[in-house]
C-alpha atoms as a PDB file:
ATOM      1  CA  MET A   1      78.750  87.598  99.948  1.00  0.00           C
ATOM      2  CA  GLY A   2      79.467  90.604  97.648  1.00  0.00           C
ATOM      3  CA  ALA A   3      82.857  91.634  96.285  1.00  0.00           C
ATOM      4  CA  THR A   4      84.470  94.911  95.251  1.00  0.00           C
ATOM      5  CA  PRO A   5      84.914  95.419  91.534  1.00  0.00           C
ATOM      6  CA  VAL A   6      88.666  96.093  91.419  1.00  0.00           C
ATOM      7  CA  TYR A   7      90.298  93.708  93.863  1.00  0.00           C
ATOM      8  CA  ALA A   8      87.302  91.333  94.530  1.00  0.00           C
ATOM      9  CA  LEU A   9      87.508  92.114  98.258  1.00  0.00           C
ATOM     10  CA  PRO A  10      84.610  90.365  99.934  1.00  0.00           C
ATOM     11  CA  TYR A  11      82.010  92.130 102.013  1.00  0.00           C
ATOM     12  CA  PRO A  12      78.860  90.778 103.688  1.00  0.00           C
ATOM     13  CA  GLU A  13      75.519  91.408 102.142  1.00  0.00           C
ATOM     14  CA  PRO A  14      72.635  92.228 104.487  1.00  0.00           C
ATOM     15  CA  THR A  15      71.129  88.867 103.772  1.00  0.00           C
ATOM     16  CA  ASP A  16      74.356  86.915 104.594  1.00  0.00           C
ATOM     17  CA  PRO A  17      74.423  84.969 107.878  1.00  0.00           C
ATOM     18  CA  ALA A  18      76.776  86.581 110.409  1.00  0.00           C
ATOM     19  CA  ASP A  19      80.162  84.782 110.584  1.00  0.00           C
ATOM     20  CA  VAL A  20      82.584  87.596 111.504  1.00  0.00           C
ATOM     21  CA  PRO A  21      85.785  85.467 112.065  1.00  0.00           C
ATOM     22  CA  THR A  22      85.385  83.747 108.650  1.00  0.00           C
ATOM     23  CA  ASP A  23      84.474  87.005 106.873  1.00  0.00           C
ATOM     24  CA  MET A  24      87.489  88.776 108.421  1.00  0.00           C
ATOM     25  CA  LYS A  25      89.799  85.998 107.436  1.00  0.00           C
ATOM     26  CA  GLU A  26      88.607  85.985 103.864  1.00  0.00           C
ATOM     27  CA  LEU A  27      88.949  89.752 103.677  1.00  0.00           C
ATOM     28  CA  ALA A  28      92.440  89.621 105.095  1.00  0.00           C
ATOM     29  CA  ASP A  29      93.519  86.847 102.690  1.00  0.00           C
ATOM     30  CA  ARG A  30      92.239  88.835  99.682  1.00  0.00           C
ATOM     31  CA  ILE A  31      93.894  92.012 100.794  1.00  0.00           C
ATOM     32  CA  GLU A  32      97.177  90.298 101.308  1.00  0.00           C
ATOM     33  CA  ALA A  33      96.967  88.673  97.827  1.00  0.00           C
ATOM     34  CA  ALA A  34      96.031  91.963  96.201  1.00  0.00           C
ATOM     35  CA  ILE A  35      98.896  93.804  97.823  1.00  0.00           C
ATOM     36  CA  GLY A  36     101.345  91.030  96.883  1.00  0.00           C
ATOM     37  CA  VAL A  37     100.190  91.077  93.166  1.00  0.00           C
ATOM     38  CA  ALA A  38     100.374  94.799  93.016  1.00  0.00           C
ATOM     39  CA  PHE A  39     103.907  94.905  94.560  1.00  0.00           C
ATOM     40  CA  ASP A  40     105.202  92.157  92.310  1.00  0.00           C
ATOM     41  CA  SER A  41     103.844  93.790  89.179  1.00  0.00           C
ATOM     42  CA  ARG A  42     105.350  97.085  90.088  1.00  0.00           C
ATOM     43  CA  LEU A  43     108.715  95.513  90.897  1.00  0.00           C
ATOM     44  CA  ASP A  44     108.604  93.719  87.589  1.00  0.00           C
ATOM     45  CA  ALA A  45     107.921  96.979  85.805  1.00  0.00           C
ATOM     46  CA  LEU A  46     110.710  98.780  87.649  1.00  0.00           C
ATOM     47  CA  GLU A  47     113.258  95.995  86.824  1.00  0.00           C
ATOM     48  CA  ALA A  48     112.202  96.051  83.168  1.00  0.00           C
ATOM     49  CA  SER A  49     112.597  99.882  82.988  1.00  0.00           C
ATOM     50  CA  LEU A  50     116.097  99.438  84.385  1.00  0.00           C
ATOM     51  CA  GLY A  51     116.957  96.755  81.862  1.00  0.00           C
ATOM     52  CA  VAL A  52     116.926  93.790  84.199  1.00  0.00           C
ATOM     53  CA  GLU A  53     115.851  90.685  82.272  1.00  0.00           C
ATOM     54  CA  ALA A  54     113.379  88.183  83.434  1.00  0.00           C
ATOM     55  CA  TRP A  55     114.501  85.039  85.215  1.00  0.00           C
ATOM     56  CA  HIS A  56     115.398  82.042  83.024  1.00  0.00           C
ATOM     57  CA  GLU A  57     113.766  79.083  84.825  1.00  0.00           C
ATOM     58  CA  ILE A  58     116.015  75.965  84.629  1.00  0.00           C
ATOM     59  CA  GLY A  59     114.259  73.089  82.881  1.00  0.00           C
ATOM     60  CA  ALA A  60     111.424  75.280  81.524  1.00  0.00           C
ATOM     61  CA  ALA A  61     110.679  75.167  77.830  1.00  0.00           C
ATOM     62  CA  GLY A  62     113.327  76.889  75.851  1.00  0.00           C
ATOM     63  CA  GLN A  63     115.642  77.130  78.819  1.00  0.00           C
ATOM     64  CA  PRO A  64     118.710  75.116  79.756  1.00  0.00           C
ATOM     65  CA  PRO A  65     117.746  71.742  81.296  1.00  0.00           C
ATOM     66  CA  PHE A  66     118.810  70.157  84.518  1.00  0.00           C
ATOM     67  CA  GLN A  67     121.472  67.520  84.050  1.00  0.00           C
ATOM     68  CA  ASN A  68     122.462  64.293  85.766  1.00  0.00           C
ATOM     69  CA  GLY A  69     119.378  63.867  87.757  1.00  0.00           C
ATOM     70  CA  TRP A  70     119.306  67.287  89.465  1.00  0.00           C
ATOM     71  CA  THR A  71     115.869  68.871  89.977  1.00  0.00           C
ATOM     72  CA  ASN A  72     114.203  71.707  91.890  1.00  0.00           C
ATOM     73  CA  PHE A  73     114.216  71.031  95.651  1.00  0.00           C
ATOM     74  CA  SER A  74     110.519  71.355  96.502  1.00  0.00           C
ATOM     75  CA  GLY A  75     107.404  73.236  95.878  1.00  0.00           C
ATOM     76  CA  THR A  76     107.975  75.531  98.961  1.00  0.00           C
ATOM     77  CA  ASP A  77     111.423  76.737  97.839  1.00  0.00           C
ATOM     78  CA  GLU A  78     112.275  79.001  94.971  1.00  0.00           C
ATOM     79  CA  THR A  79     112.884  77.256  91.676  1.00  0.00           C
ATOM     80  CA  ALA A  80     116.305  77.319  90.142  1.00  0.00           C
ATOM     81  CA  ALA A  81     116.748  80.222  87.706  1.00  0.00           C
ATOM     82  CA  PHE A  82     119.309  82.666  86.386  1.00  0.00           C
ATOM     83  CA  ARG A  83     119.345  86.148  84.907  1.00  0.00           C
ATOM     84  CA  MET A  84     121.749  88.860  83.880  1.00  0.00           C
ATOM     85  CA  GLU A  85     121.599  92.383  85.174  1.00  0.00           C
ATOM     86  CA  PRO A  86     122.623  95.426  83.105  1.00  0.00           C
ATOM     87  CA  ASN A  87     126.111  95.448  84.621  1.00  0.00           C
ATOM     88  CA  LYS A  88     126.811  91.917  83.260  1.00  0.00           C
ATOM     89  CA  VAL A  89     126.370  90.279  86.662  1.00  0.00           C
ATOM     90  CA  VAL A  90     124.668  86.923  86.445  1.00  0.00           C
ATOM     91  CA  ARG A  91     122.593  85.999  89.411  1.00  0.00           C
ATOM     92  CA  LEU A  92     121.217  82.503  90.270  1.00  0.00           C
ATOM     93  CA  LYS A  93     118.331  81.763  92.632  1.00  0.00           C
ATOM     94  CA  GLY A  94     116.577  78.625  93.881  1.00  0.00           C
ATOM     95  CA  VAL A  95     117.385  75.404  95.589  1.00  0.00           C
ATOM     96  CA  VAL A  96     118.208  72.139  93.813  1.00  0.00           C
ATOM     97  CA  LYS A  97     118.489  68.475  94.974  1.00  0.00           C
ATOM     98  CA  GLY A  98     119.511  65.014  93.931  1.00  0.00           C
ATOM     99  CA  GLY A  99     121.620  64.333  90.946  1.00  0.00           C
ATOM    100  CA  THR A 100     125.135  62.835  90.815  1.00  0.00           C
ATOM    101  CA  GLY A 101     127.765  64.428  93.041  1.00  0.00           C
ATOM    102  CA  ALA A 102     130.496  66.279  91.174  1.00  0.00           C
ATOM    103  CA  ALA A 103     128.530  66.009  87.947  1.00  0.00           C
ATOM    104  CA  ALA A 104     127.062  68.984  86.046  1.00  0.00           C
ATOM    105  CA  ILE A 105     123.873  70.482  87.470  1.00  0.00           C
ATOM    106  CA  LEU A 106     123.336  72.616  84.362  1.00  0.00           C
ATOM    107  CA  THR A 107     125.206  74.334  81.601  1.00  0.00           C
ATOM    108  CA  LEU A 108     124.703  78.128  81.337  1.00  0.00           C
ATOM    109  CA  PRO A 109     124.322  79.442  77.745  1.00  0.00           C
ATOM    110  CA  ALA A 110     126.992  81.505  76.050  1.00  0.00           C
ATOM    111  CA  GLY A 111     126.930  85.104  77.223  1.00  0.00           C
ATOM    112  CA  TYR A 112     126.096  83.948  80.811  1.00  0.00           C
ATOM    113  CA  ARG A 113     129.467  82.445  81.540  1.00  0.00           C
ATOM    114  CA  PRO A 114     132.520  83.640  83.520  1.00  0.00           C
ATOM    115  CA  ALA A 115     135.879  84.275  81.844  1.00  0.00           C
ATOM    116  CA  LYS A 116     137.586  81.698  84.179  1.00  0.00           C
ATOM    117  CA  VAL A 117     136.415  79.206  86.799  1.00  0.00           C
ATOM    118  CA  VAL A 118     134.423  80.862  89.552  1.00  0.00           C
ATOM    119  CA  ARG A 119     134.013  79.129  93.008  1.00  0.00           C
ATOM    120  CA  ILE A 120     131.233  80.412  95.293  1.00  0.00           C
ATOM    121  CA  ALA A 121     130.346  79.293  98.862  1.00  0.00           C
ATOM    122  CA  VAL A 122     126.736  78.048  99.110  1.00  0.00           C
ATOM    123  CA  SER A 123     124.555  76.434 101.735  1.00  0.00           C
ATOM    124  CA  SER A 124     123.934  72.751 101.211  1.00  0.00           C
ATOM    125  CA  GLY A 125     123.111  69.404 102.869  1.00  0.00           C
ATOM    126  CA  ALA A 126     120.548  68.459 105.404  1.00  0.00           C
ATOM    127  CA  ALA A 127     122.329  70.338 108.188  1.00  0.00           C
ATOM    128  CA  GLY A 128     122.739  73.553 106.149  1.00  0.00           C
ATOM    129  CA  THR A 129     126.540  72.956 105.862  1.00  0.00           C
ATOM    130  CA  ALA A 130     128.764  75.135 103.696  1.00  0.00           C
ATOM    131  CA  ASP A 131     129.868  73.862 100.322  1.00  0.00           C
ATOM    132  CA  ARG A 132     130.734  75.500  97.019  1.00  0.00           C
ATOM    133  CA  VAL A 133     129.614  75.624  93.444  1.00  0.00           C
ATOM    134  CA  GLU A 134     131.972  75.938  90.537  1.00  0.00           C
ATOM    135  CA  ILE A 135     131.056  77.500  87.219  1.00  0.00           C
ATOM    136  CA  SER A 136     133.556  76.834  84.425  1.00  0.00           C
ATOM    137  CA  ALA A 137     134.278  79.188  81.559  1.00  0.00           C
ATOM    138  CA  ALA A 138     132.228  76.715  79.480  1.00  0.00           C
ATOM    139  CA  GLY A 139     129.266  77.474  81.791  1.00  0.00           C
ATOM    140  CA  VAL A 140     129.144  74.124  83.474  1.00  0.00           C
ATOM    141  CA  LEU A 141     127.801  74.437  87.062  1.00  0.00           C
ATOM    142  CA  THR A 142     128.895  71.753  89.489  1.00  0.00           C
ATOM    143  CA  VAL A 143     129.186  70.981  93.190  1.00  0.00           C
ATOM    144  CA  PRO A 144     132.655  69.291  93.133  1.00  0.00           C
ATOM    145  CA  VAL A 145     132.456  67.776  96.544  1.00  0.00           C
ATOM    146  CA  GLY A 146     129.810  67.529  99.198  1.00  0.00           C
ATOM    147  CA  THR A 147     126.150  66.668  99.381  1.00  0.00           C
ATOM    148  CA  THR A 148     123.500  66.158  96.789  1.00  0.00           C
ATOM    149  CA  SER A 149     120.580  66.453  99.307  1.00  0.00           C
ATOM    150  CA  TYR A 150     120.222  70.109  98.387  1.00  0.00           C
ATOM    151  CA  VAL A 151     122.244  73.185  97.126  1.00  0.00           C
ATOM    152  CA  ASP A 152     121.007  76.696  97.590  1.00  0.00           C
ATOM    153  CA  PHE A 153     121.915  79.135  94.711  1.00  0.00           C
ATOM    154  CA  THR A 154     120.832  82.277  96.618  1.00  0.00           C
ATOM    155  CA  ALA A 155     124.384  83.670  97.004  1.00  0.00           C
ATOM    156  CA  VAL A 156     125.634  82.777  93.555  1.00  0.00           C
ATOM    157  CA  GLU A 157     126.583  85.746  91.392  1.00  0.00           C
ATOM    158  CA  PHE A 158     129.518  86.489  89.082  1.00  0.00           C
ATOM    159  CA  VAL A 159     130.398  88.732  86.145  1.00  0.00           C
ATOM    160  CA  ALA A 160     129.855  87.332  82.708  1.00  0.00           C
ATOM    161  CA  VAL A 161     132.097  87.897  79.608  1.00  0.00           C
END
């Protein structure tokens, strides 16, 4: 099977055996991947031009570590990360699990912390129940009560000082 030079989209050669369903699926998968990569790279470029920084992945080299046994939830969910937007709004994303209840999940670095304690409703637990995270002025992020089965950071945002 041949492939196009730019996106490596497959096409059948005259000598290839006919297998239309397989060929169509491979073509569709490659087109979908190429569109996704192109969109992601354009979005990254747009965000960079607007001064939006890249995500800081919790636990990655050079980034704040998870604390007290907390980890990313699974390979199918977004990993825990944070970033600051040009208007000083800090956003979190990802889903975490485990850890010790009411103990620190992570500590945000200076410059990414609120002036006072911030409490934000989040989805958590096996049944998707509501809970809250607290972020102290020292940058310590906790779930003061509730489950440790999972905590979704998707709705967490606040203004940093």
